[in-house]
Amino acid sequence: MLYSINETLAALKDGSVTSHELVKNSIDTFEKDKSSAVSLNAFIEMYDDALTLADEADKEISAARSAGTLDQLFAKKPLLGLPFANKDNISVRGKRLTCASKILAGYVAPYNATVIDRLVKAGAIPLGRCNQDEFAMGSSTEYSSYGPTRNPINRDYVSGGSSGGSTAAVAANQALFGLGTETGGSVRLPASYCGVYGLKPTYGVLSRWGVVAYGSSLDQVGIIGHTPRDIALPLSLMCGVDMYDDTSVDLPEGKSLSNLTALSDSEFASLKIAVPRQFLESKGLDADVAKVFEDTRAWFEKKGAKIETVDLPILDASIASYYVIALSEAASNLSRFDGIRYGARKDNGEGYDQLYVDTRSEGFGPEVKRRIIIGNYVLSEQFSGTTYKKGMSVRARIQREVAKLFETYDLILCPTCPTAAFKLGEKYDDPLAMYLSDLFTTFVNLARIPSVSVPAGRTAKDNMPVGIQFAGAMFSEKKILSIAQNWEEDHPCCGIPVKG
């Protein structure tokens, strides 16, 4: 079983594996899983041209091997022949894009998202679209019109959300790496639940062009992989300013991520790490998660890093601020799905008003409707001048205080989620409990900083993965991924894919 991108690239170069074999294995696994009694349901569909693209990659590799120019070929196309999983809200030209919603049934993307375009130019192969919570609204991938994605560690449990499909595909070794999206933790949360690495980059580092919007001031494409290097290499190829996205920015040292290395012993020993007291004292923190966190903290201290507990009282307001902002922006963004401009159309000939009501009533699922209603309520004339404005002022304060913290500290260390994965259906009808899954992740999105969830251990009671997140200052992707690489080298079994 191939484990990492680097291992797979070496196998492609020496001819011990072909891109065709990699893609065919994923397709065969998908078909077998689809017909099983308890399907993982990570991929919704495989793209029909994936094998053709793999064959073209194999021809390029074979020709370069014969000509003695393999190094030059892979310098030009660093991901040549590698298949990756794609979330169902990221556009791939000529392929269906539904955001796991009935309202977009039959919609075909007319162009590639910038992140897809840059990966394709690097030789990577879009393998298929993956399941998600409808319009990325959820923490478990249970709110999908295609049914839930199960956790590959234990299929009685959720995979996390909203990027649960891409994450489960990577964890189950159906893809070497995957793309997801983050609004409040939707890459890091499933990474924690499934026992893999998941990165949420600094806001703007990855272009949002071609990504269906949920909360525009919070959304960010994220990456899932088995190792930090499996995240760093794709990030180095996708990052940077995009003329189609005015919020996009360059990532300092972005290109150097292609050769990610761990910190030296002296560099590691010089680290100053902050642990927010508000998270440690959270009533919702599971005892097993707390134990894994303390073990991770002890590892940092053993390697010489200095750790201090800090007070950030504003973090207590992060969940409230996040949902006020995110749901308000969601209500605005989803207003375009009306049966006229996009997707499905329910028209009984009773006029445009009724067409609009019928289309949205039948096209949206319960969680999306809930968030639209709350968002529109917040934006109503009665409340828009107070509630939304207050949410934005809290966000601004979070940004200021977190930025000030990083003037002294290199890293914020905290659990990714208060609990490990929960059983399917356990929180489906309890929206508040589901929302609190994001308790430790939303401050990262509000502050627009990067954070990586690392697989740090398992629970004692049910042996489910637990993730711990390393959050850094804006544009510190290289530093936090390097620290994650230190972790990976000391704990090489954490991100190993599930067999079978």
Protein backbone atom coordinates (compact mmCIF):
# COMPACT_ATOMS: atom_id res chain seq x y z
CA MET A 1 0.00 0.00 0.00
CA LEU A 2 1.46 3.37 -1.01
CA TYR A 3 1.49 5.75 1.89
CA SER A 4 2.51 9.28 0.89
CA ILE A 5 2.89 11.55 -2.12
CA ASN A 6 6.69 11.31 -2.02
CA GLU A 7 6.56 7.52 -1.85
CA THR A 8 4.12 7.39 -4.75
CA LEU A 9 6.15 9.80 -6.88
CA ALA A 10 9.24 7.63 -6.35
CA ALA A 11 7.25 4.55 -7.44
CA LEU A 12 5.99 6.33 -10.54
CA LYS A 13 9.52 7.37 -11.47
CA ASP A 14 11.03 3.90 -11.10
CA GLY A 15 8.11 2.23 -12.86
CA SER A 16 6.99 0.05 -9.95
CA VAL A 17 3.52 1.59 -10.23
CA THR A 18 1.62 3.45 -12.96
CA SER A 19 -0.85 6.27 -12.77
CA HIS A 20 -3.37 3.97 -14.47
CA GLU A 21 -2.99 1.49 -11.61
CA LEU A 22 -3.44 4.19 -9.01
CA VAL A 23 -6.63 5.51 -10.59
CA LYS A 24 -7.98 2.05 -11.40
CA ASN A 25 -7.46 0.95 -7.81
CA SER A 26 -9.45 3.95 -6.58
CA ILE A 27 -12.25 3.30 -9.06
CA ASP A 28 -12.40 -0.41 -8.18
CA THR A 29 -12.47 0.42 -4.48
CA PHE A 30 -15.27 2.92 -5.09
CA GLU A 31 -17.34 0.41 -7.06
CA LYS A 32 -16.82 -2.30 -4.44
CA ASP A 33 -17.69 0.06 -1.60
CA LYS A 34 -20.78 1.38 -3.39
CA SER A 35 -22.27 -2.12 -3.50
CA SER A 36 -21.39 -3.01 0.10
CA ALA A 37 -24.00 -3.26 2.84
CA VAL A 38 -22.45 -0.38 4.78
CA SER A 39 -20.96 1.98 2.20
CA LEU A 40 -18.34 4.52 3.19
CA ASN A 41 -20.00 6.90 0.71
CA ALA A 42 -16.93 9.13 0.44
CA PHE A 43 -17.07 9.64 -3.33
CA ILE A 44 -20.35 10.59 -4.98
CA GLU A 45 -18.98 9.72 -8.40
CA MET A 46 -15.71 9.09 -10.20
CA TYR A 47 -14.94 11.31 -13.18
CA ASP A 48 -15.25 9.41 -16.45
CA ASP A 49 -11.99 10.78 -17.90
CA ALA A 50 -9.76 9.99 -14.89
CA LEU A 51 -8.34 6.82 -16.48
CA THR A 52 -7.72 8.63 -19.77
CA LEU A 53 -5.78 11.34 -17.97
CA ALA A 54 -3.84 8.65 -16.09
CA ASP A 55 -2.89 6.93 -19.36
CA GLU A 56 -1.69 10.25 -20.77
CA ALA A 57 0.43 10.80 -17.66
CA ASP A 58 1.93 7.30 -18.01
CA LYS A 59 2.88 8.04 -21.63
CA GLU A 60 4.66 11.24 -20.55
CA ILE A 61 6.51 9.41 -17.79
CA SER A 62 7.50 6.53 -20.05
CA ALA A 63 8.79 8.87 -22.76
CA ALA A 64 10.78 10.91 -20.25
CA ARG A 65 12.26 7.76 -18.70
CA SER A 66 13.45 6.62 -22.12
CA ALA A 67 14.91 10.04 -22.86
CA GLY A 68 16.53 10.37 -19.45
CA THR A 69 14.53 13.52 -18.64
CA LEU A 70 12.38 12.30 -15.73
CA ASP A 71 13.74 14.90 -13.32
CA GLN A 72 12.98 17.71 -15.75
CA LEU A 73 9.45 16.37 -16.34
CA PHE A 74 8.63 16.18 -12.63
CA ALA A 75 10.21 19.59 -12.02
CA LYS A 76 7.68 20.96 -14.51
CA LYS A 77 4.79 18.78 -13.30
CA PRO A 78 5.49 17.89 -9.64
CA LEU A 79 2.22 15.97 -9.17
CA LEU A 80 2.15 14.17 -12.52
CA GLY A 81 -0.10 11.12 -12.45
CA LEU A 82 -1.32 11.56 -8.86
CA PRO A 83 -5.09 11.29 -8.32
CA PHE A 84 -6.78 13.52 -5.73
CA ALA A 85 -10.25 13.79 -4.19
CA ASN A 86 -12.36 16.89 -4.77
CA LYS A 87 -15.19 18.26 -2.65
CA ASP A 88 -18.53 18.67 -4.41
CA ASN A 89 -18.51 22.48 -4.09
CA ILE A 90 -15.28 23.04 -6.07
CA SER A 91 -15.76 23.44 -9.82
CA VAL A 92 -14.22 21.03 -12.33
CA ARG A 93 -14.97 21.98 -15.93
CA GLY A 94 -17.56 19.74 -17.59
CA LYS A 95 -18.33 17.85 -14.35
CA ARG A 96 -21.39 17.89 -12.15
CA LEU A 97 -21.26 20.19 -9.14
CA THR A 98 -24.18 19.94 -6.72
CA CYS A 99 -22.91 20.89 -3.25
CA ALA A 100 -24.75 17.70 -2.17
CA SER A 101 -28.05 19.54 -2.68
CA LYS A 102 -31.14 18.69 -4.68
CA ILE A 103 -31.43 22.28 -5.80
CA LEU A 104 -28.27 21.93 -7.92
CA ALA A 105 -29.14 18.53 -9.37
CA GLY A 106 -27.88 18.37 -12.96
CA TYR A 107 -25.71 21.48 -12.74
CA VAL A 108 -22.42 21.16 -14.69
CA ALA A 109 -19.49 23.46 -13.93
CA PRO A 110 -18.48 25.56 -16.98
CA TYR A 111 -14.91 26.19 -15.82
CA ASN A 112 -12.23 24.97 -13.42
CA ALA A 113 -11.78 26.52 -10.00
CA THR A 114 -8.35 28.14 -9.79
CA VAL A 115 -7.13 25.54 -7.28
CA ILE A 116 -8.19 22.76 -9.68
CA ASP A 117 -6.58 24.50 -12.64
CA ARG A 118 -3.26 24.84 -10.81
CA LEU A 119 -3.26 21.21 -9.69
CA VAL A 120 -4.08 20.01 -13.21
CA LYS A 121 -1.23 22.10 -14.64
CA ALA A 122 1.03 20.37 -12.11
CA GLY A 123 -0.05 17.01 -13.52
CA ALA A 124 -2.51 15.95 -10.81
CA ILE A 125 -5.66 14.05 -11.83
CA PRO A 126 -9.10 15.02 -10.46
CA LEU A 127 -10.43 11.62 -9.45
CA GLY A 128 -14.03 12.38 -8.56
CA ARG A 129 -16.31 14.53 -6.48
CA CYS A 130 -16.77 13.76 -2.80
CA ASN A 131 -19.70 13.93 -0.45
CA GLN A 132 -20.24 16.84 1.92
CA ASP A 133 -22.84 18.48 4.10
CA GLU A 134 -25.25 20.34 1.84
CA PHE A 135 -23.70 23.66 0.83
CA ALA A 136 -20.95 22.89 3.41
CA MET A 137 -23.39 23.48 6.28
CA GLY A 138 -22.76 20.89 8.97
CA SER A 139 -20.15 19.14 11.08
CA SER A 140 -20.83 15.50 10.28
CA THR A 141 -21.60 15.05 6.53
CA GLU A 142 -25.02 13.79 7.53
CA TYR A 143 -26.79 16.78 5.92
CA SER A 144 -26.27 15.54 2.36
CA SER A 145 -28.84 14.66 -0.27
CA TYR A 146 -26.64 11.65 -1.09
CA GLY A 147 -26.78 10.26 2.44
CA PRO A 148 -24.08 10.37 5.13
CA THR A 149 -20.40 9.59 4.72
CA ARG A 150 -19.20 7.08 7.30
CA ASN A 151 -15.96 7.11 9.24
CA PRO A 152 -13.44 4.66 7.74
CA ILE A 153 -12.09 3.86 11.23
CA ASN A 154 -15.53 2.68 12.39
CA ARG A 155 -18.45 2.93 10.00
CA ASP A 156 -20.96 3.38 12.79
CA TYR A 157 -19.49 6.85 13.35
CA VAL A 158 -19.59 10.11 11.40
CA SER A 159 -16.62 11.24 9.32
CA GLY A 160 -16.99 14.86 10.38
CA GLY A 161 -17.97 17.72 8.17
CA SER A 162 -18.52 19.45 6.06
CA SER A 163 -15.55 18.04 4.10
CA GLY A 164 -16.22 14.52 5.37
CA GLY A 165 -16.22 12.88 1.94
CA SER A 166 -12.78 14.12 0.87
CA THR A 167 -11.34 13.32 4.29
CA ALA A 168 -12.81 9.81 4.45
CA ALA A 169 -11.49 9.13 0.93
CA VAL A 170 -7.97 10.08 2.00
CA ALA A 171 -8.17 8.20 5.31
CA ALA A 172 -9.42 5.08 3.50
CA ASN A 173 -6.58 5.40 0.94
CA GLN A 174 -8.97 5.99 -1.95
CA ALA A 175 -6.96 9.14 -2.78
CA LEU A 176 -3.48 10.39 -1.89
CA PHE A 177 -4.72 13.84 -0.89
CA GLY A 178 -7.96 15.75 -1.01
CA LEU A 179 -9.41 19.23 -1.28
CA GLY A 180 -12.04 20.47 1.12
CA THR A 181 -13.36 23.85 2.16
CA GLU A 182 -13.41 25.59 5.52
CA THR A 183 -15.79 28.18 6.92
CA GLY A 184 -15.50 27.33 10.62
CA GLY A 185 -13.49 24.10 10.84
CA SER A 186 -14.81 21.94 8.01
CA VAL A 187 -11.40 20.53 7.05
CA ARG A 188 -9.78 20.27 10.47
CA LEU A 189 -12.82 18.69 12.11
CA PRO A 190 -13.11 15.66 9.77
CA ALA A 191 -9.31 15.37 9.76
CA SER A 192 -9.49 14.97 13.53
CA TYR A 193 -12.35 12.47 13.34
CA CYS A 194 -10.68 10.34 10.64
CA GLY A 195 -7.10 10.43 11.90
CA VAL A 196 -5.35 12.38 9.12
CA TYR A 197 -3.75 15.82 8.68
CA GLY A 198 -5.93 18.76 7.63
CA LEU A 199 -4.83 22.33 6.92
CA LYS A 200 -6.86 25.51 6.93
CA PRO A 201 -4.56 28.14 5.31
CA THR A 202 -4.49 31.88 5.92
CA TYR A 203 -7.53 33.55 4.35
CA GLY A 204 -6.74 34.46 0.75
CA VAL A 205 -3.73 32.16 0.29
CA LEU A 206 -5.84 29.81 -1.86
CA SER A 207 -8.15 31.40 -4.42
CA ARG A 208 -11.91 31.00 -3.93
CA TRP A 209 -12.62 31.43 -7.65
CA GLY A 210 -14.82 28.53 -8.69
CA VAL A 211 -15.73 27.55 -5.12
CA VAL A 212 -19.43 27.82 -4.23
CA ALA A 213 -19.74 30.40 -1.47
CA TYR A 214 -21.10 29.76 2.00
CA GLY A 215 -19.69 32.61 4.13
CA SER A 216 -17.52 34.67 1.80
CA SER A 217 -15.48 36.47 4.46
CA LEU A 218 -14.68 33.13 6.14
CA ASP A 219 -14.47 30.53 3.36
CA GLN A 220 -11.11 29.00 2.46
CA VAL A 221 -10.05 25.94 0.50
CA GLY A 222 -8.20 23.43 2.69
CA ILE A 223 -6.05 20.34 2.09
CA ILE A 224 -6.19 16.84 3.61
CA GLY A 225 -3.26 14.40 3.55
CA HIS A 226 -1.56 11.49 5.30
CA THR A 227 1.52 13.58 6.17
CA PRO A 228 2.37 17.29 6.47
CA ARG A 229 4.41 16.98 3.26
CA ASP A 230 1.32 15.65 1.48
CA ILE A 231 -0.28 19.00 2.32
CA ALA A 232 2.75 21.23 1.77
CA LEU A 233 3.48 20.20 -1.82
CA PRO A 234 -0.07 20.79 -3.19
CA LEU A 235 -0.24 24.03 -1.18
CA SER A 236 2.98 25.28 -2.79
CA LEU A 237 1.45 24.71 -6.23
CA MET A 238 -2.00 26.20 -5.55
CA CYS A 239 -1.14 29.27 -3.47
CA GLY A 240 -0.76 32.83 -4.68
CA VAL A 241 -2.61 35.78 -6.16
CA ASP A 242 -5.39 35.02 -8.63
CA MET A 243 -6.68 37.72 -10.97
CA TYR A 244 -10.19 36.30 -10.58
CA ASP A 245 -10.23 36.66 -6.78
CA ASP A 246 -9.58 40.09 -5.31
CA THR A 247 -9.16 38.62 -1.82
CA SER A 248 -6.30 36.34 -2.91
CA VAL A 249 -2.78 37.02 -1.66
CA ASP A 250 0.72 35.67 -2.11
CA LEU A 251 2.12 33.31 0.52
CA PRO A 252 5.65 34.26 1.63
CA GLU A 253 7.90 31.20 1.37
CA GLY A 254 5.07 29.44 -0.47
CA LYS A 255 7.29 27.88 -3.10
CA SER A 256 9.71 26.55 -0.49
CA LEU A 257 6.91 24.38 0.89
CA SER A 258 7.62 21.91 -1.92
CA ASN A 259 10.62 20.74 0.13
CA LEU A 260 9.18 20.84 3.64
CA THR A 261 11.56 19.90 6.45
CA ALA A 262 11.08 19.56 10.19
CA LEU A 263 12.47 22.21 12.54
CA SER A 264 15.96 21.59 13.90
CA ASP A 265 16.33 20.77 17.59
CA SER A 266 17.48 24.30 18.37
CA GLU A 267 14.65 25.87 16.38
CA PHE A 268 12.13 23.67 18.14
CA ALA A 269 13.57 24.44 21.57
CA SER A 270 13.15 28.16 20.90
CA LEU A 271 9.39 27.86 20.34
CA LYS A 272 7.00 29.71 22.64
CA ILE A 273 3.54 28.19 22.68
CA ALA A 274 0.27 29.57 24.03
CA VAL A 275 -2.53 27.42 25.42
CA PRO A 276 -5.82 29.36 25.82
CA ARG A 277 -7.26 28.85 29.30
CA GLN A 278 -10.79 29.24 27.90
CA PHE A 279 -10.45 26.02 25.90
CA LEU A 280 -8.93 24.00 28.73
CA GLU A 281 -11.76 24.97 31.05
CA SER A 282 -14.49 24.21 28.53
CA LYS A 283 -17.26 22.08 30.06
CA GLY A 284 -17.69 20.23 26.76
CA LEU A 285 -14.11 18.90 26.62
CA ASP A 286 -14.12 15.10 26.61
CA ALA A 287 -11.78 13.39 29.08
CA ASP A 288 -10.13 11.27 26.37
CA VAL A 289 -9.50 14.35 24.23
CA ALA A 290 -8.05 16.16 27.25
CA LYS A 291 -5.70 13.21 27.86
CA VAL A 292 -4.45 13.25 24.25
CA PHE A 293 -3.96 17.01 24.50
CA GLU A 294 -1.87 16.65 27.67
CA ASP A 295 0.24 13.96 25.98
CA THR A 296 0.82 16.32 23.03
CA ARG A 297 1.71 19.14 25.38
CA ALA A 298 4.20 16.88 27.17
CA TRP A 299 5.81 16.03 23.81
CA PHE A 300 6.39 19.72 23.09
CA GLU A 301 7.88 20.29 26.54
CA LYS A 302 10.13 17.23 26.24
CA LYS A 303 11.58 18.66 23.03
CA GLY A 304 12.33 21.95 24.79
CA ALA A 305 9.45 24.20 23.73
CA LYS A 306 8.15 26.65 26.32
CA ILE A 307 4.40 26.43 26.92
CA GLU A 308 2.32 28.98 28.80
CA THR A 309 -1.38 29.20 29.57
CA VAL A 310 -2.86 32.50 28.38
CA ASP A 311 -6.15 34.27 28.92
CA LEU A 312 -8.15 35.25 25.84
CA PRO A 313 -11.65 35.94 27.22
CA ILE A 314 -12.86 37.03 23.78
CA LEU A 315 -12.67 33.39 22.67
CA ASP A 316 -15.79 32.70 24.69
CA ALA A 317 -17.68 34.78 22.12
CA SER A 318 -16.16 33.13 19.03
CA ILE A 319 -18.98 30.62 18.39
CA ALA A 320 -21.68 33.30 18.72
CA SER A 321 -19.79 35.75 16.51
CA TYR A 322 -19.05 33.06 13.94
CA TYR A 323 -22.63 31.89 13.52
CA VAL A 324 -24.03 35.42 13.32
CA ILE A 325 -21.59 36.28 10.53
CA ALA A 326 -21.59 32.94 8.71
CA LEU A 327 -25.36 32.50 8.65
CA SER A 328 -25.94 36.09 7.56
CA GLU A 329 -23.52 35.65 4.65
CA ALA A 330 -25.00 32.25 3.85
CA ALA A 331 -28.51 33.67 3.58
CA SER A 332 -27.22 36.32 1.19
CA ASN A 333 -25.14 33.92 -0.91
CA LEU A 334 -27.91 31.33 -1.22
CA SER A 335 -30.46 33.85 -2.46
CA ARG A 336 -29.21 33.22 -6.03
CA PHE A 337 -30.49 29.62 -5.98
CA ASP A 338 -34.03 30.39 -7.00
CA GLY A 339 -35.03 28.04 -9.83
CA ILE A 340 -34.31 30.72 -12.42
CA ARG A 341 -30.55 31.18 -12.43
CA TYR A 342 -29.22 27.82 -11.22
CA GLY A 343 -30.11 24.17 -10.86
CA ALA A 344 -33.49 22.56 -10.32
CA ARG A 345 -36.72 24.36 -11.11
CA LYS A 346 -40.15 23.66 -9.64
CA ASP A 347 -42.67 25.55 -11.79
CA ASN A 348 -46.41 24.86 -11.54
CA GLY A 349 -47.30 27.84 -13.69
CA GLU A 350 -48.45 29.91 -10.73
CA GLY A 351 -46.06 32.81 -11.19
CA TYR A 352 -42.50 33.65 -10.22
CA ASP A 353 -43.18 34.08 -6.51
CA GLN A 354 -44.61 30.57 -6.21
CA LEU A 355 -41.83 29.17 -8.42
CA TYR A 356 -39.30 30.67 -6.03
CA VAL A 357 -41.03 29.27 -2.95
CA ASP A 358 -41.57 25.79 -4.40
CA THR A 359 -38.04 25.48 -5.79
CA ARG A 360 -36.33 26.46 -2.55
CA SER A 361 -38.74 24.51 -0.34
CA GLU A 362 -38.11 21.27 -2.22
CA GLY A 363 -34.50 21.93 -3.22
CA PHE A 364 -32.95 22.80 0.15
CA GLY A 365 -32.54 20.37 3.03
CA PRO A 366 -33.50 21.10 6.66
CA GLU A 367 -30.13 22.38 7.87
CA VAL A 368 -29.73 24.79 4.95
CA LYS A 369 -33.26 26.10 5.50
CA ARG A 370 -32.52 26.56 9.19
CA ARG A 371 -29.42 28.62 8.45
CA ILE A 372 -31.15 30.72 5.79
CA ILE A 373 -33.97 31.55 8.19
CA ILE A 374 -31.59 32.48 11.01
CA GLY A 375 -29.38 34.48 8.66
CA ASN A 376 -32.28 36.45 7.22
CA TYR A 377 -33.61 37.05 10.73
CA VAL A 378 -30.25 38.52 11.78
CA LEU A 379 -30.21 40.68 8.64
CA SER A 380 -33.79 41.85 9.05
CA GLU A 381 -34.44 45.56 9.49
CA GLN A 382 -35.08 45.04 13.18
CA PHE A 383 -31.72 43.42 13.95
CA SER A 384 -29.23 44.15 11.17
CA GLY A 385 -28.01 47.32 12.82
CA THR A 386 -27.26 45.60 16.12
CA THR A 387 -26.72 41.84 15.94
CA TYR A 388 -24.68 41.64 12.73
CA LYS A 389 -22.70 44.76 13.59
CA LYS A 390 -21.94 43.35 17.04
CA GLY A 391 -20.80 40.07 15.49
CA MET A 392 -18.42 41.95 13.21
CA SER A 393 -17.03 44.06 16.07
CA VAL A 394 -16.36 40.90 18.11
CA ARG A 395 -14.61 39.41 15.08
CA ALA A 396 -12.41 42.50 14.73
CA ARG A 397 -11.46 42.24 18.39
CA ILE A 398 -10.62 38.52 18.00
CA GLN A 399 -8.35 39.40 15.07
CA ARG A 400 -6.58 42.12 17.07
CA GLU A 401 -6.08 40.06 20.21
CA VAL A 402 -4.92 36.94 18.36
CA ALA A 403 -2.49 39.03 16.26
CA LYS A 404 -1.13 40.63 19.42
CA LEU A 405 -0.69 37.18 20.99
CA PHE A 406 1.51 36.13 18.08
CA GLU A 407 3.85 39.02 18.79
CA THR A 408 5.00 36.92 21.76
CA TYR A 409 4.15 33.34 20.84
CA ASP A 410 4.88 31.14 17.82
CA LEU A 411 1.93 28.80 18.14
CA ILE A 412 -1.48 28.34 19.71
CA LEU A 413 -1.97 24.75 20.84
CA CYS A 414 -5.44 23.34 21.51
CA PRO A 415 -7.68 20.38 20.68
CA THR A 416 -9.31 20.41 17.27
CA CYS A 417 -12.68 19.35 18.64
CA PRO A 418 -14.10 18.91 22.17
CA THR A 419 -14.91 15.25 21.38
CA ALA A 420 -13.89 12.48 19.04
CA ALA A 421 -16.28 11.36 16.28
CA PHE A 422 -19.79 10.58 17.46
CA LYS A 423 -22.18 7.93 16.20
CA LEU A 424 -24.32 8.47 13.12
CA GLY A 425 -27.63 10.07 14.07
CA GLU A 426 -26.48 11.01 17.56
CA LYS A 427 -26.61 14.78 16.99
CA TYR A 428 -28.57 14.97 13.75
CA ASP A 429 -31.67 16.44 15.41
CA ASP A 430 -29.75 18.56 17.90
CA PRO A 431 -28.42 21.58 15.98
CA LEU A 432 -26.92 23.27 19.05
CA ALA A 433 -24.86 20.20 19.95
CA MET A 434 -23.73 19.96 16.31
CA TYR A 435 -22.74 23.65 16.25
CA LEU A 436 -20.64 23.22 19.40
CA SER A 437 -18.45 20.74 17.52
CA ASP A 438 -16.80 23.90 16.11
CA LEU A 439 -16.01 25.29 19.57
CA PHE A 440 -12.20 25.22 19.13
CA THR A 441 -11.98 25.87 15.39
CA THR A 442 -14.02 28.99 14.59
CA PHE A 443 -11.60 31.47 16.16
CA VAL A 444 -9.05 30.48 13.48
CA ASN A 445 -11.44 31.43 10.67
CA LEU A 446 -12.50 34.64 12.40
CA ALA A 447 -8.84 35.64 12.90
CA ARG A 448 -7.98 34.51 9.33
CA ILE A 449 -4.92 32.61 10.54
CA PRO A 450 -3.67 29.16 9.43
CA SER A 451 -4.11 26.01 11.50
CA VAL A 452 -3.32 22.35 10.96
CA SER A 453 -5.02 19.46 12.72
CA VAL A 454 -2.59 16.61 13.43
CA PRO A 455 -3.63 13.04 14.30
CA ALA A 456 -2.46 12.88 17.91
CA GLY A 457 -3.97 9.77 19.48
CA ARG A 458 -7.05 7.62 20.07
CA THR A 459 -9.82 7.55 22.66
CA ALA A 460 -9.64 4.87 25.32
CA LYS A 461 -13.33 4.01 25.20
CA ASP A 462 -13.86 3.39 21.47
CA ASN A 463 -10.41 3.77 19.83
CA MET A 464 -11.47 6.72 17.65
CA PRO A 465 -8.91 9.29 16.43
CA VAL A 466 -8.29 12.58 18.22
CA GLY A 467 -6.79 15.62 16.51
CA ILE A 468 -4.82 18.46 18.07
CA GLN A 469 -4.39 21.72 16.19
CA PHE A 470 -1.32 23.87 15.74
CA ALA A 471 -2.42 27.42 14.88
CA GLY A 472 0.02 30.12 13.80
CA ALA A 473 0.13 33.76 12.82
CA MET A 474 -1.07 34.85 9.39
CA PHE A 475 1.14 33.43 6.60
CA SER A 476 2.95 31.05 8.97
CA GLU A 477 1.97 27.95 7.00
CA LYS A 478 5.58 26.86 6.60
CA LYS A 479 6.25 27.09 10.33
CA ILE A 480 3.17 25.16 11.48
CA LEU A 481 3.61 22.49 8.81
CA SER A 482 7.28 22.14 9.76
CA ILE A 483 6.26 21.64 13.39
CA ALA A 484 3.68 19.11 12.21
CA GLN A 485 6.50 17.35 10.34
CA ASN A 486 8.42 17.11 13.61
CA TRP A 487 5.33 15.45 15.06
CA GLU A 488 5.02 13.10 12.09
CA GLU A 489 8.64 12.00 12.34
CA ASP A 490 8.18 11.17 16.04
CA HIS A 491 4.75 9.58 15.49
CA PRO A 492 4.92 7.95 12.03
CA CYS A 493 1.88 5.71 12.53
CA CYS A 494 -0.63 8.49 13.18
CA GLY A 495 -1.62 9.27 9.59
CA ILE A 496 -1.41 5.77 8.12
CA PRO A 497 -4.41 5.05 5.87
CA VAL A 498 -7.04 2.52 6.82
CA LYS A 499 -6.56 -0.86 5.20
CA GLY A 500 -9.41 -2.16 3.06
